[in-house]
Amino acid sequence: MNHGEVDDSYIDGHPVLGLTVVAIEDSSDATLPDQLVIAGAYADAFVMRSGCGLVAHCAAGVSRSSYRNLATIMLVEHLDFAAALAFLRHHRPQANPNPGFVDQLRKLEAQLLAGQVP
């Protein structure tokens, strides 16, 4: 391996079984389709329930990964946005999804409360 290359086959000494890249800008008008957020969160839940670890990250680890992680927490743990954010910030204090992501998560929260998401 040359210096400067990244070996993404291991994270903290654990083998990486899969890698998915979702390109999204960290701007207040960037959103993912609701179906993609929900499908991704359920995929995350499946991975976690199978006993595997899961890492979701973005360049700064502040906004975009928080967005994805919050959607997963809300769906898997059946938490509202505020409770999911408190849970995430307990483990990652710098978690701070941008206003556009917050709007989309609030929409997901309303769908969950209305029973529109399984």
PDB file of N, CA and C in Angstrom:
ATOM      1  N   MET A   1       0.848  -1.172   0.000  1.00  0.00           N
ATOM      2  CA  MET A   1       0.000   0.000   0.000  1.00  0.00           C
ATOM      3  C   MET A   1       0.893   1.235   0.000  1.00  0.00           C
ATOM      4  N   ASN A   2       0.590   2.157  -0.869  1.00  0.00           N
ATOM      5  CA  ASN A   2       1.313   3.418  -0.901  1.00  0.00           C
ATOM      6  C   ASN A   2       0.765   4.343   0.172  1.00  0.00           C
ATOM      7  N   HIS A   3       1.628   5.238   0.642  1.00  0.00           N
ATOM      8  CA  HIS A   3       1.150   6.238   1.594  1.00  0.00           C
ATOM      9  C   HIS A   3       0.081   7.083   0.920  1.00  0.00           C
ATOM     10  N   GLY A   4      -0.941   7.406   1.649  1.00  0.00           N
ATOM     11  CA  GLY A   4      -2.023   8.207   1.092  1.00  0.00           C
ATOM     12  C   GLY A   4      -3.181   7.381   0.573  1.00  0.00           C
ATOM     13  N   GLU A   5      -2.968   6.091   0.360  1.00  0.00           N
ATOM     14  CA  GLU A   5      -4.077   5.234  -0.056  1.00  0.00           C
ATOM     15  C   GLU A   5      -4.866   4.804   1.173  1.00  0.00           C
ATOM     16  N   VAL A   6      -6.124   4.607   1.001  1.00  0.00           N
ATOM     17  CA  VAL A   6      -6.985   4.181   2.094  1.00  0.00           C
ATOM     18  C   VAL A   6      -7.397   2.739   1.856  1.00  0.00           C
ATOM     19  N   ASP A   7      -7.188   1.900   2.857  1.00  0.00           N
ATOM     20  CA  ASP A   7      -7.646   0.515   2.793  1.00  0.00           C
ATOM     21  C   ASP A   7      -9.019   0.468   3.441  1.00  0.00           C
ATOM     22  N   ASP A   8     -10.069   0.463   2.611  1.00  0.00           N
ATOM     23  CA  ASP A   8     -11.420   0.469   3.169  1.00  0.00           C
ATOM     24  C   ASP A   8     -11.983  -0.940   3.350  1.00  0.00           C
ATOM     25  N   SER A   9     -11.107  -1.946   3.328  1.00  0.00           N
ATOM     26  CA  SER A   9     -11.575  -3.305   3.559  1.00  0.00           C
ATOM     27  C   SER A   9     -11.652  -3.617   5.055  1.00  0.00           C
ATOM     28  N   TYR A  10     -11.097  -2.730   5.892  1.00  0.00           N
ATOM     29  CA  TYR A  10     -11.151  -2.893   7.342  1.00  0.00           C
ATOM     30  C   TYR A  10     -11.428  -1.546   7.991  1.00  0.00           C
ATOM     31  N   ILE A  11     -12.259  -1.554   9.022  1.00  0.00           N
ATOM     32  CA  ILE A  11     -12.493  -0.370   9.842  1.00  0.00           C
ATOM     33  C   ILE A  11     -12.227  -0.778  11.275  1.00  0.00           C
ATOM     34  N   ASP A  12     -11.279  -0.124  11.906  1.00  0.00           N
ATOM     35  CA  ASP A  12     -10.887  -0.448  13.280  1.00  0.00           C
ATOM     36  C   ASP A  12     -10.600  -1.935  13.455  1.00  0.00           C
ATOM     37  N   GLY A  13      -9.971  -2.535  12.456  1.00  0.00           N
ATOM     38  CA  GLY A  13      -9.585  -3.932  12.533  1.00  0.00           C
ATOM     39  C   GLY A  13     -10.683  -4.924  12.199  1.00  0.00           C
ATOM     40  N   HIS A  14     -11.874  -4.442  11.874  1.00  0.00           N
ATOM     41  CA  HIS A  14     -12.990  -5.322  11.538  1.00  0.00           C
ATOM     42  C   HIS A  14     -13.190  -5.330  10.029  1.00  0.00           C
ATOM     43  N   PRO A  15     -13.451  -6.502   9.445  1.00  0.00           N
ATOM     44  CA  PRO A  15     -13.640  -6.553   7.994  1.00  0.00           C
ATOM     45  C   PRO A  15     -14.910  -5.820   7.564  1.00  0.00           C
ATOM     46  N   VAL A  16     -14.822  -5.171   6.440  1.00  0.00           N
ATOM     47  CA  VAL A  16     -15.972  -4.492   5.850  1.00  0.00           C
ATOM     48  C   VAL A  16     -16.634  -5.464   4.888  1.00  0.00           C
ATOM     49  N   LEU A  17     -17.907  -5.746   5.109  1.00  0.00           N
ATOM     50  CA  LEU A  17     -18.621  -6.699   4.272  1.00  0.00           C
ATOM     51  C   LEU A  17     -19.300  -6.034   3.090  1.00  0.00           C
ATOM     52  N   GLY A  18     -19.550  -4.762   3.199  1.00  0.00           N
ATOM     53  CA  GLY A  18     -20.206  -4.040   2.114  1.00  0.00           C
ATOM     54  C   GLY A  18     -19.984  -2.554   2.269  1.00  0.00           C
ATOM     55  N   LEU A  19     -20.076  -1.853   1.170  1.00  0.00           N
ATOM     56  CA  LEU A  19     -19.880  -0.411   1.182  1.00  0.00           C
ATOM     57  C   LEU A  19     -20.866   0.202   0.203  1.00  0.00           C
ATOM     58  N   THR A  20     -21.617   1.153   0.675  1.00  0.00           N
ATOM     59  CA  THR A  20     -22.557   1.873  -0.172  1.00  0.00           C
ATOM     60  C   THR A  20     -22.252   3.351  -0.059  1.00  0.00           C
ATOM     61  N   VAL A  21     -22.185   4.013  -1.179  1.00  0.00           N
ATOM     62  CA  VAL A  21     -21.926   5.448  -1.195  1.00  0.00           C
ATOM     63  C   VAL A  21     -23.164   6.151  -1.731  1.00  0.00           C
ATOM     64  N   VAL A  22     -23.668   7.101  -0.964  1.00  0.00           N
ATOM     65  CA  VAL A  22     -24.799   7.921  -1.389  1.00  0.00           C
ATOM     66  C   VAL A  22     -24.298   9.353  -1.443  1.00  0.00           C
ATOM     67  N   ALA A  23     -24.225   9.900  -2.633  1.00  0.00           N
ATOM     68  CA  ALA A  23     -23.727  11.267  -2.796  1.00  0.00           C
ATOM     69  C   ALA A  23     -24.859  12.249  -2.539  1.00  0.00           C
ATOM     70  N   ILE A  24     -24.673  13.100  -1.562  1.00  0.00           N
ATOM     71  CA  ILE A  24     -25.657  14.134  -1.252  1.00  0.00           C
ATOM     72  C   ILE A  24     -24.920  15.343  -0.704  1.00  0.00           C
ATOM     73  N   GLU A  25     -25.296  16.501  -1.188  1.00  0.00           N
ATOM     74  CA  GLU A  25     -24.688  17.741  -0.728  1.00  0.00           C
ATOM     75  C   GLU A  25     -25.171  18.057   0.683  1.00  0.00           C
ATOM     76  N   ASP A  26     -24.314  18.714   1.452  1.00  0.00           N
ATOM     77  CA  ASP A  26     -24.700  19.157   2.784  1.00  0.00           C
ATOM     78  C   ASP A  26     -25.211  20.587   2.680  1.00  0.00           C
ATOM     79  N   SER A  27     -26.395  20.731   2.107  1.00  0.00           N
ATOM     80  CA  SER A  27     -27.013  22.048   1.977  1.00  0.00           C
ATOM     81  C   SER A  27     -28.458  21.947   2.438  1.00  0.00           C
ATOM     82  N   SER A  28     -29.029  23.072   2.817  1.00  0.00           N
ATOM     83  CA  SER A  28     -30.378  23.045   3.388  1.00  0.00           C
ATOM     84  C   SER A  28     -31.446  22.622   2.387  1.00  0.00           C
ATOM     85  N   ASP A  29     -31.134  22.657   1.094  1.00  0.00           N
ATOM     86  CA  ASP A  29     -32.130  22.221   0.111  1.00  0.00           C
ATOM     87  C   ASP A  29     -31.868  20.811  -0.412  1.00  0.00           C
ATOM     88  N   ALA A  30     -30.864  20.131   0.116  1.00  0.00           N
ATOM     89  CA  ALA A  30     -30.569  18.755  -0.291  1.00  0.00           C
ATOM     90  C   ALA A  30     -31.436  17.799   0.525  1.00  0.00           C
ATOM     91  N   THR A  31     -32.107  16.911  -0.160  1.00  0.00           N
ATOM     92  CA  THR A  31     -32.912  15.894   0.514  1.00  0.00           C
ATOM     93  C   THR A  31     -32.804  14.589  -0.262  1.00  0.00           C
ATOM     94  N   LEU A  32     -33.145  13.531   0.391  1.00  0.00           N
ATOM     95  CA  LEU A  32     -33.255  12.228  -0.257  1.00  0.00           C
ATOM     96  C   LEU A  32     -34.737  11.901  -0.366  1.00  0.00           C
ATOM     97  N   PRO A  33     -35.139  11.188  -1.399  1.00  0.00           N
ATOM     98  CA  PRO A  33     -36.544  10.781  -1.486  1.00  0.00           C
ATOM     99  C   PRO A  33     -36.951   9.994  -0.237  1.00  0.00           C
ATOM    100  N   ASP A  34     -38.166  10.235   0.248  1.00  0.00           N
ATOM    101  CA  ASP A  34     -38.640   9.560   1.457  1.00  0.00           C
ATOM    102  C   ASP A  34     -38.458   8.053   1.382  1.00  0.00           C
ATOM    103  N   GLN A  35     -38.759   7.478   0.216  1.00  0.00           N
ATOM    104  CA  GLN A  35     -38.668   6.029   0.067  1.00  0.00           C
ATOM    105  C   GLN A  35     -37.228   5.551   0.255  1.00  0.00           C
ATOM    106  N   LEU A  36     -36.265   6.342  -0.210  1.00  0.00           N
ATOM    107  CA  LEU A  36     -34.863   5.957  -0.066  1.00  0.00           C
ATOM    108  C   LEU A  36     -34.432   6.024   1.395  1.00  0.00           C
ATOM    109  N   VAL A  37     -34.866   7.051   2.104  1.00  0.00           N
ATOM    110  CA  VAL A  37     -34.534   7.176   3.524  1.00  0.00           C
ATOM    111  C   VAL A  37     -35.115   5.999   4.297  1.00  0.00           C
ATOM    112  N   ILE A  38     -36.375   5.691   4.049  1.00  0.00           N
ATOM    113  CA  ILE A  38     -37.034   4.601   4.765  1.00  0.00           C
ATOM    114  C   ILE A  38     -36.418   3.257   4.401  1.00  0.00           C
ATOM    115  N   ALA A  39     -36.189   3.011   3.125  1.00  0.00           N
ATOM    116  CA  ALA A  39     -35.570   1.746   2.699  1.00  0.00           C
ATOM    117  C   ALA A  39     -34.179   1.603   3.294  1.00  0.00           C
ATOM    118  N   GLY A  40     -33.415   2.672   3.289  1.00  0.00           N
ATOM    119  CA  GLY A  40     -32.073   2.629   3.861  1.00  0.00           C
ATOM    120  C   GLY A  40     -32.094   2.349   5.350  1.00  0.00           C
ATOM    121  N   ALA A  41     -33.029   2.956   6.052  1.00  0.00           N
ATOM    122  CA  ALA A  41     -33.125   2.733   7.493  1.00  0.00           C
ATOM    123  C   ALA A  41     -33.507   1.288   7.796  1.00  0.00           C
ATOM    124  N   TYR A  42     -34.422   0.727   7.016  1.00  0.00           N
ATOM    125  CA  TYR A  42     -34.779  -0.672   7.229  1.00  0.00           C
ATOM    126  C   TYR A  42     -33.622  -1.606   6.870  1.00  0.00           C
ATOM    127  N   ALA A  43     -32.847  -1.268   5.866  1.00  0.00           N
ATOM    128  CA  ALA A  43     -31.658  -2.064   5.535  1.00  0.00           C
ATOM    129  C   ALA A  43     -30.663  -2.007   6.687  1.00  0.00           C
ATOM    130  N   ASP A  44     -30.483  -0.814   7.251  1.00  0.00           N
ATOM    131  CA  ASP A  44     -29.601  -0.669   8.412  1.00  0.00           C
ATOM    132  C   ASP A  44     -30.085  -1.554   9.558  1.00  0.00           C
ATOM    133  N   ALA A  45     -31.383  -1.535   9.804  1.00  0.00           N
ATOM    134  CA  ALA A  45     -31.951  -2.333  10.890  1.00  0.00           C
ATOM    135  C   ALA A  45     -31.696  -3.817  10.666  1.00  0.00           C
ATOM    136  N   PHE A  46     -31.854  -4.277   9.438  1.00  0.00           N
ATOM    137  CA  PHE A  46     -31.605  -5.679   9.120  1.00  0.00           C
ATOM    138  C   PHE A  46     -30.156  -6.046   9.422  1.00  0.00           C
ATOM    139  N   VAL A  47     -29.234  -5.190   9.011  1.00  0.00           N
ATOM    140  CA  VAL A  47     -27.811  -5.447   9.253  1.00  0.00           C
ATOM    141  C   VAL A  47     -27.541  -5.517  10.751  1.00  0.00           C
ATOM    142  N   MET A  48     -28.071  -4.567  11.500  1.00  0.00           N
ATOM    143  CA  MET A  48     -27.821  -4.536  12.942  1.00  0.00           C
ATOM    144  C   MET A  48     -28.428  -5.748  13.639  1.00  0.00           C
ATOM    145  N   ARG A  49     -29.623  -6.147  13.229  1.00  0.00           N
ATOM    146  CA  ARG A  49     -30.276  -7.298  13.860  1.00  0.00           C
ATOM    147  C   ARG A  49     -29.579  -8.609  13.532  1.00  0.00           C
ATOM    148  N   SER A  50     -28.816  -8.629  12.446  1.00  0.00           N
ATOM    149  CA  SER A  50     -28.094  -9.847  12.085  1.00  0.00           C
ATOM    150  C   SER A  50     -26.810  -9.999  12.891  1.00  0.00           C
ATOM    151  N   GLY A  51     -26.533  -9.023  13.760  1.00  0.00           N
ATOM    152  CA  GLY A  51     -25.363  -9.097  14.615  1.00  0.00           C
ATOM    153  C   GLY A  51     -24.142  -8.401  14.059  1.00  0.00           C
ATOM    154  N   CYS A  52     -24.277  -7.781  12.921  1.00  0.00           N
ATOM    155  CA  CYS A  52     -23.155  -7.060  12.318  1.00  0.00           C
ATOM    156  C   CYS A  52     -23.170  -5.608  12.774  1.00  0.00           C
ATOM    157  N   GLY A  53     -22.010  -5.005  12.757  1.00  0.00           N
ATOM    158  CA  GLY A  53     -21.915  -3.584  13.043  1.00  0.00           C
ATOM    159  C   GLY A  53     -22.245  -2.785  11.798  1.00  0.00           C
ATOM    160  N   LEU A  54     -22.503  -1.527  11.987  1.00  0.00           N
ATOM    161  CA  LEU A  54     -22.853  -0.653  10.883  1.00  0.00           C
ATOM    162  C   LEU A  54     -22.218   0.704  11.117  1.00  0.00           C
ATOM    163  N   VAL A  55     -21.590   1.240  10.086  1.00  0.00           N
ATOM    164  CA  VAL A  55     -20.981   2.561  10.167  1.00  0.00           C
ATOM    165  C   VAL A  55     -21.599   3.431   9.088  1.00  0.00           C
ATOM    166  N   ALA A  56     -22.156   4.555   9.478  1.00  0.00           N
ATOM    167  CA  ALA A  56     -22.652   5.551   8.525  1.00  0.00           C
ATOM    168  C   ALA A  56     -21.859   6.817   8.793  1.00  0.00           C
ATOM    169  N   HIS A  57     -21.206   7.313   7.770  1.00  0.00           N
ATOM    170  CA  HIS A  57     -20.384   8.497   8.006  1.00  0.00           C
ATOM    171  C   HIS A  57     -20.429   9.422   6.814  1.00  0.00           C
ATOM    172  N   CYS A  58     -20.015  10.646   7.052  1.00  0.00           N
ATOM    173  CA  CYS A  58     -19.887  11.645   5.995  1.00  0.00           C
ATOM    174  C   CYS A  58     -18.552  12.351   6.219  1.00  0.00           C
ATOM    175  N   ALA A  59     -18.253  13.320   5.416  1.00  0.00           N
ATOM    176  CA  ALA A  59     -16.941  13.970   5.480  1.00  0.00           C
ATOM    177  C   ALA A  59     -16.638  14.543   6.861  1.00  0.00           C
ATOM    178  N   ALA A  60     -17.582  15.260   7.445  1.00  0.00           N
ATOM    179  CA  ALA A  60     -17.335  15.896   8.740  1.00  0.00           C
ATOM    180  C   ALA A  60     -17.964  15.141   9.905  1.00  0.00           C
ATOM    181  N   GLY A  61     -18.855  14.210   9.617  1.00  0.00           N
ATOM    182  CA  GLY A  61     -19.505  13.468  10.691  1.00  0.00           C
ATOM    183  C   GLY A  61     -20.465  14.315  11.507  1.00  0.00           C
ATOM    184  N   VAL A  62     -21.042  15.330  10.879  1.00  0.00           N
ATOM    185  CA  VAL A  62     -21.902  16.257  11.606  1.00  0.00           C
ATOM    186  C   VAL A  62     -23.336  16.256  11.081  1.00  0.00           C
ATOM    187  N   SER A  63     -23.524  16.474   9.796  1.00  0.00           N
ATOM    188  CA  SER A  63     -24.863  16.700   9.258  1.00  0.00           C
ATOM    189  C   SER A  63     -25.416  15.520   8.466  1.00  0.00           C
ATOM    190  N   ARG A  64     -24.731  15.130   7.396  1.00  0.00           N
ATOM    191  CA  ARG A  64     -25.279  14.092   6.515  1.00  0.00           C
ATOM    192  C   ARG A  64     -25.392  12.739   7.196  1.00  0.00           C
ATOM    193  N   SER A  65     -24.359  12.328   7.914  1.00  0.00           N
ATOM    194  CA  SER A  65     -24.458  11.034   8.600  1.00  0.00           C
ATOM    195  C   SER A  65     -25.482  11.104   9.731  1.00  0.00           C
ATOM    196  N   SER A  66     -25.606  12.269  10.367  1.00  0.00           N
ATOM    197  CA  SER A  66     -26.627  12.431  11.408  1.00  0.00           C
ATOM    198  C   SER A  66     -28.016  12.227  10.827  1.00  0.00           C
ATOM    199  N   TYR A  67     -28.223  12.765   9.645  1.00  0.00           N
ATOM    200  CA  TYR A  67     -29.504  12.635   8.938  1.00  0.00           C
ATOM    201  C   TYR A  67     -29.857  11.164   8.753  1.00  0.00           C
ATOM    202  N   ARG A  68     -28.932  10.406   8.220  1.00  0.00           N
ATOM    203  CA  ARG A  68     -29.178   8.976   7.972  1.00  0.00           C
ATOM    204  C   ARG A  68     -29.337   8.213   9.285  1.00  0.00           C
ATOM    205  N   ASN A  69     -28.479   8.500  10.245  1.00  0.00           N
ATOM    206  CA  ASN A  69     -28.551   7.804  11.520  1.00  0.00           C
ATOM    207  C   ASN A  69     -29.849   8.117  12.262  1.00  0.00           C
ATOM    208  N   LEU A  70     -30.287   9.371  12.207  1.00  0.00           N
ATOM    209  CA  LEU A  70     -31.537   9.737  12.875  1.00  0.00           C
ATOM    210  C   LEU A  70     -32.734   9.014  12.259  1.00  0.00           C
ATOM    211  N   ALA A  71     -32.773   8.921  10.945  1.00  0.00           N
ATOM    212  CA  ALA A  71     -33.868   8.194  10.290  1.00  0.00           C
ATOM    213  C   ALA A  71     -33.883   6.741  10.752  1.00  0.00           C
ATOM    214  N   THR A  72     -32.720   6.132  10.836  1.00  0.00           N
ATOM    215  CA  THR A  72     -32.631   4.743  11.287  1.00  0.00           C
ATOM    216  C   THR A  72     -33.103   4.611  12.727  1.00  0.00           C
ATOM    217  N   ILE A  73     -32.629   5.494  13.592  1.00  0.00           N
ATOM    218  CA  ILE A  73     -33.016   5.440  15.009  1.00  0.00           C
ATOM    219  C   ILE A  73     -34.523   5.627  15.160  1.00  0.00           C
ATOM    220  N   MET A  74     -35.084   6.579  14.426  1.00  0.00           N
ATOM    221  CA  MET A  74     -36.522   6.833  14.518  1.00  0.00           C
ATOM    222  C   MET A  74     -37.331   5.611  14.100  1.00  0.00           C
ATOM    223  N   LEU A  75     -36.914   4.952  13.024  1.00  0.00           N
ATOM    224  CA  LEU A  75     -37.654   3.791  12.525  1.00  0.00           C
ATOM    225  C   LEU A  75     -37.443   2.549  13.379  1.00  0.00           C
ATOM    226  N   VAL A  76     -36.214   2.304  13.777  1.00  0.00           N
ATOM    227  CA  VAL A  76     -35.899   1.077  14.507  1.00  0.00           C
ATOM    228  C   VAL A  76     -36.347   1.155  15.963  1.00  0.00           C
ATOM    229  N   GLU A  77     -36.100   2.302  16.596  1.00  0.00           N
ATOM    230  CA  GLU A  77     -36.408   2.448  18.021  1.00  0.00           C
ATOM    231  C   GLU A  77     -37.779   3.068  18.276  1.00  0.00           C
ATOM    232  N   HIS A  78     -38.471   3.455  17.206  1.00  0.00           N
ATOM    233  CA  HIS A  78     -39.799   4.075  17.318  1.00  0.00           C
ATOM    234  C   HIS A  78     -39.753   5.326  18.193  1.00  0.00           C
ATOM    235  N   LEU A  79     -38.766   6.169  17.913  1.00  0.00           N
ATOM    236  CA  LEU A  79     -38.606   7.420  18.652  1.00  0.00           C
ATOM    237  C   LEU A  79     -39.021   8.594  17.787  1.00  0.00           C
ATOM    238  N   ASP A  80     -39.508   9.656  18.431  1.00  0.00           N
ATOM    239  CA  ASP A  80     -39.772  10.879  17.684  1.00  0.00           C
ATOM    240  C   ASP A  80     -38.438  11.581  17.415  1.00  0.00           C
ATOM    241  N   PHE A  81     -38.493  12.650  16.630  1.00  0.00           N
ATOM    242  CA  PHE A  81     -37.261  13.322  16.227  1.00  0.00           C
ATOM    243  C   PHE A  81     -36.452  13.807  17.424  1.00  0.00           C
ATOM    244  N   ALA A  82     -37.096  14.474  18.383  1.00  0.00           N
ATOM    245  CA  ALA A  82     -36.374  15.034  19.533  1.00  0.00           C
ATOM    246  C   ALA A  82     -35.685  13.939  20.347  1.00  0.00           C
ATOM    247  N   ALA A  83     -36.381  12.841  20.586  1.00  0.00           N
ATOM    248  CA  ALA A  83     -35.798  11.745  21.361  1.00  0.00           C
ATOM    249  C   ALA A  83     -34.657  11.081  20.600  1.00  0.00           C
ATOM    250  N   ALA A  84     -34.826  10.913  19.288  1.00  0.00           N
ATOM    251  CA  ALA A  84     -33.760  10.316  18.473  1.00  0.00           C
ATOM    252  C   ALA A  84     -32.530  11.216  18.463  1.00  0.00           C
ATOM    253  N   LEU A  85     -32.744  12.528  18.352  1.00  0.00           N
ATOM    254  CA  LEU A  85     -31.622  13.467  18.352  1.00  0.00           C
ATOM    255  C   LEU A  85     -30.907  13.452  19.700  1.00  0.00           C
ATOM    256  N   ALA A  86     -31.648  13.401  20.790  1.00  0.00           N
ATOM    257  CA  ALA A  86     -31.032  13.328  22.118  1.00  0.00           C
ATOM    258  C   ALA A  86     -30.204  12.051  22.252  1.00  0.00           C
ATOM    259  N   PHE A  87     -30.755  10.934  21.776  1.00  0.00           N
ATOM    260  CA  PHE A  87     -30.035   9.662  21.816  1.00  0.00           C
ATOM    261  C   PHE A  87     -28.744   9.749  21.010  1.00  0.00           C
ATOM    262  N   LEU A  88     -28.847  10.263  19.781  1.00  0.00           N
ATOM    263  CA  LEU A  88     -27.666  10.357  18.923  1.00  0.00           C
ATOM    264  C   LEU A  88     -26.624  11.288  19.525  1.00  0.00           C
ATOM    265  N   ARG A  89     -27.049  12.449  20.037  1.00  0.00           N
ATOM    266  CA  ARG A  89     -26.096  13.406  20.617  1.00  0.00           C
ATOM    267  C   ARG A  89     -25.453  12.882  21.891  1.00  0.00           C
ATOM    268  N   HIS A  90     -26.116  11.948  22.572  1.00  0.00           N
ATOM    269  CA  HIS A  90     -25.488  11.310  23.731  1.00  0.00           C
ATOM    270  C   HIS A  90     -24.242  10.545  23.291  1.00  0.00           C
ATOM    271  N   HIS A  91     -24.314   9.937  22.118  1.00  0.00           N
ATOM    272  CA  HIS A  91     -23.203   9.148  21.586  1.00  0.00           C
ATOM    273  C   HIS A  91     -22.294   9.954  20.661  1.00  0.00           C
ATOM    274  N   ARG A  92     -22.829  10.971  20.033  1.00  0.00           N
ATOM    275  CA  ARG A  92     -22.068  11.808  19.088  1.00  0.00           C
ATOM    276  C   ARG A  92     -22.531  13.253  19.280  1.00  0.00           C
ATOM    277  N   PRO A  93     -21.938  13.957  20.258  1.00  0.00           N
ATOM    278  CA  PRO A  93     -22.399  15.306  20.615  1.00  0.00           C
ATOM    279  C   PRO A  93     -22.412  16.302  19.461  1.00  0.00           C
ATOM    280  N   GLN A  94     -21.547  16.133  18.491  1.00  0.00           N
ATOM    281  CA  GLN A  94     -21.486  17.094  17.385  1.00  0.00           C
ATOM    282  C   GLN A  94     -22.532  16.837  16.302  1.00  0.00           C
ATOM    283  N   ALA A  95     -23.374  15.832  16.469  1.00  0.00           N
ATOM    284  CA  ALA A  95     -24.425  15.547  15.482  1.00  0.00           C
ATOM    285  C   ALA A  95     -25.316  16.779  15.320  1.00  0.00           C
ATOM    286  N   ASN A  96     -25.446  17.250  14.084  1.00  0.00           N
ATOM    287  CA  ASN A  96     -26.208  18.473  13.833  1.00  0.00           C
ATOM    288  C   ASN A  96     -26.692  18.501  12.382  1.00  0.00           C
ATOM    289  N   PRO A  97     -27.795  17.809  12.081  1.00  0.00           N
ATOM    290  CA  PRO A  97     -28.290  17.822  10.699  1.00  0.00           C
ATOM    291  C   PRO A  97     -28.702  19.233  10.291  1.00  0.00           C
ATOM    292  N   ASN A  98     -28.456  19.575   9.032  1.00  0.00           N
ATOM    293  CA  ASN A  98     -28.801  20.920   8.564  1.00  0.00           C
ATOM    294  C   ASN A  98     -30.326  21.091   8.528  1.00  0.00           C
ATOM    295  N   PRO A  99     -30.808  22.335   8.412  1.00  0.00           N
ATOM    296  CA  PRO A  99     -32.256  22.598   8.473  1.00  0.00           C
ATOM    297  C   PRO A  99     -33.088  21.817   7.451  1.00  0.00           C
ATOM    298  N   GLY A 100     -32.577  21.613   6.259  1.00  0.00           N
ATOM    299  CA  GLY A 100     -33.317  20.837   5.265  1.00  0.00           C
ATOM    300  C   GLY A 100     -33.480  19.389   5.686  1.00  0.00           C
ATOM    301  N   PHE A 101     -32.429  18.816   6.267  1.00  0.00           N
ATOM    302  CA  PHE A 101     -32.512  17.444   6.754  1.00  0.00           C
ATOM    303  C   PHE A 101     -33.483  17.356   7.937  1.00  0.00           C
ATOM    304  N   VAL A 102     -33.449  18.366   8.811  1.00  0.00           N
ATOM    305  CA  VAL A 102     -34.379  18.384   9.946  1.00  0.00           C
ATOM    306  C   VAL A 102     -35.820  18.413   9.442  1.00  0.00           C
ATOM    307  N   ASP A 103     -36.088  19.235   8.430  1.00  0.00           N
ATOM    308  CA  ASP A 103     -37.441  19.286   7.860  1.00  0.00           C
ATOM    309  C   ASP A 103     -37.872  17.915   7.356  1.00  0.00           C
ATOM    310  N   GLN A 104     -36.969  17.222   6.682  1.00  0.00           N
ATOM    311  CA  GLN A 104     -37.323  15.907   6.152  1.00  0.00           C
ATOM    312  C   GLN A 104     -37.531  14.896   7.286  1.00  0.00           C
ATOM    313  N   LEU A 105     -36.726  14.994   8.333  1.00  0.00           N
ATOM    314  CA  LEU A 105     -36.897  14.092   9.470  1.00  0.00           C
ATOM    315  C   LEU A 105     -38.200  14.383  10.213  1.00  0.00           C
ATOM    316  N   ARG A 106     -38.595  15.639  10.280  1.00  0.00           N
ATOM    317  CA  ARG A 106     -39.888  15.996  10.894  1.00  0.00           C
ATOM    318  C   ARG A 106     -41.044  15.418  10.065  1.00  0.00           C
ATOM    319  N   LYS A 107     -40.874  15.411   8.754  1.00  0.00           N
ATOM    320  CA  LYS A 107     -41.885  14.807   7.879  1.00  0.00           C
ATOM    321  C   LYS A 107     -41.970  13.301   8.142  1.00  0.00           C
ATOM    322  N   LEU A 108     -40.814  12.657   8.300  1.00  0.00           N
ATOM    323  CA  LEU A 108     -40.789  11.235   8.629  1.00  0.00           C
ATOM    324  C   LEU A 108     -41.468  11.003   9.975  1.00  0.00           C
ATOM    325  N   GLU A 109     -41.199  11.873  10.943  1.00  0.00           N
ATOM    326  CA  GLU A 109     -41.825  11.767  12.262  1.00  0.00           C
ATOM    327  C   GLU A 109     -43.354  11.814  12.141  1.00  0.00           C
ATOM    328  N   ALA A 110     -43.863  12.745  11.351  1.00  0.00           N
ATOM    329  CA  ALA A 110     -45.313  12.861  11.159  1.00  0.00           C
ATOM    330  C   ALA A 110     -45.877  11.592  10.522  1.00  0.00           C
ATOM    331  N   GLN A 111     -45.142  11.019   9.565  1.00  0.00           N
ATOM    332  CA  GLN A 111     -45.591   9.778   8.924  1.00  0.00           C
ATOM    333  C   GLN A 111     -45.612   8.631   9.930  1.00  0.00           C
ATOM    334  N   LEU A 112     -44.600   8.577  10.791  1.00  0.00           N
ATOM    335  CA  LEU A 112     -44.548   7.528  11.808  1.00  0.00           C
ATOM    336  C   LEU A 112     -45.713   7.666  12.785  1.00  0.00           C
ATOM    337  N   LEU A 113     -45.967   8.892  13.243  1.00  0.00           N
ATOM    338  CA  LEU A 113     -47.053   9.127  14.197  1.00  0.00           C
ATOM    339  C   LEU A 113     -48.420   8.822  13.593  1.00  0.00           C
ATOM    340  N   ALA A 114     -48.549   9.032  12.294  1.00  0.00           N
ATOM    341  CA  ALA A 114     -49.815   8.762  11.609  1.00  0.00           C
ATOM    342  C   ALA A 114     -49.951   7.297  11.195  1.00  0.00           C
ATOM    343  N   GLY A 115     -48.927   6.495  11.482  1.00  0.00           N
ATOM    344  CA  GLY A 115     -48.965   5.083  11.115  1.00  0.00           C
ATOM    345  C   GLY A 115     -48.808   4.838   9.630  1.00  0.00           C
ATOM    346  N   GLN A 116     -48.201   5.795   8.926  1.00  0.00           N
ATOM    347  CA  GLN A 116     -48.038   5.670   7.477  1.00  0.00           C
ATOM    348  C   GLN A 116     -46.756   4.951   7.083  1.00  0.00           C
ATOM    349  N   VAL A 117     -45.924   4.648   8.067  1.00  0.00           N
ATOM    350  CA  VAL A 117     -44.678   3.922   7.816  1.00  0.00           C
ATOM    351  C   VAL A 117     -44.728   2.670   8.674  1.00  0.00           C
ATOM    352  N   PRO A 118     -44.526   1.503   8.065  1.00  0.00           N
ATOM    353  CA  PRO A 118     -44.613   0.253   8.849  1.00  0.00           C
ATOM    354  C   PRO A 118     -43.540   0.166   9.918  1.00  0.00           C
TER     355      PRO A 118
END
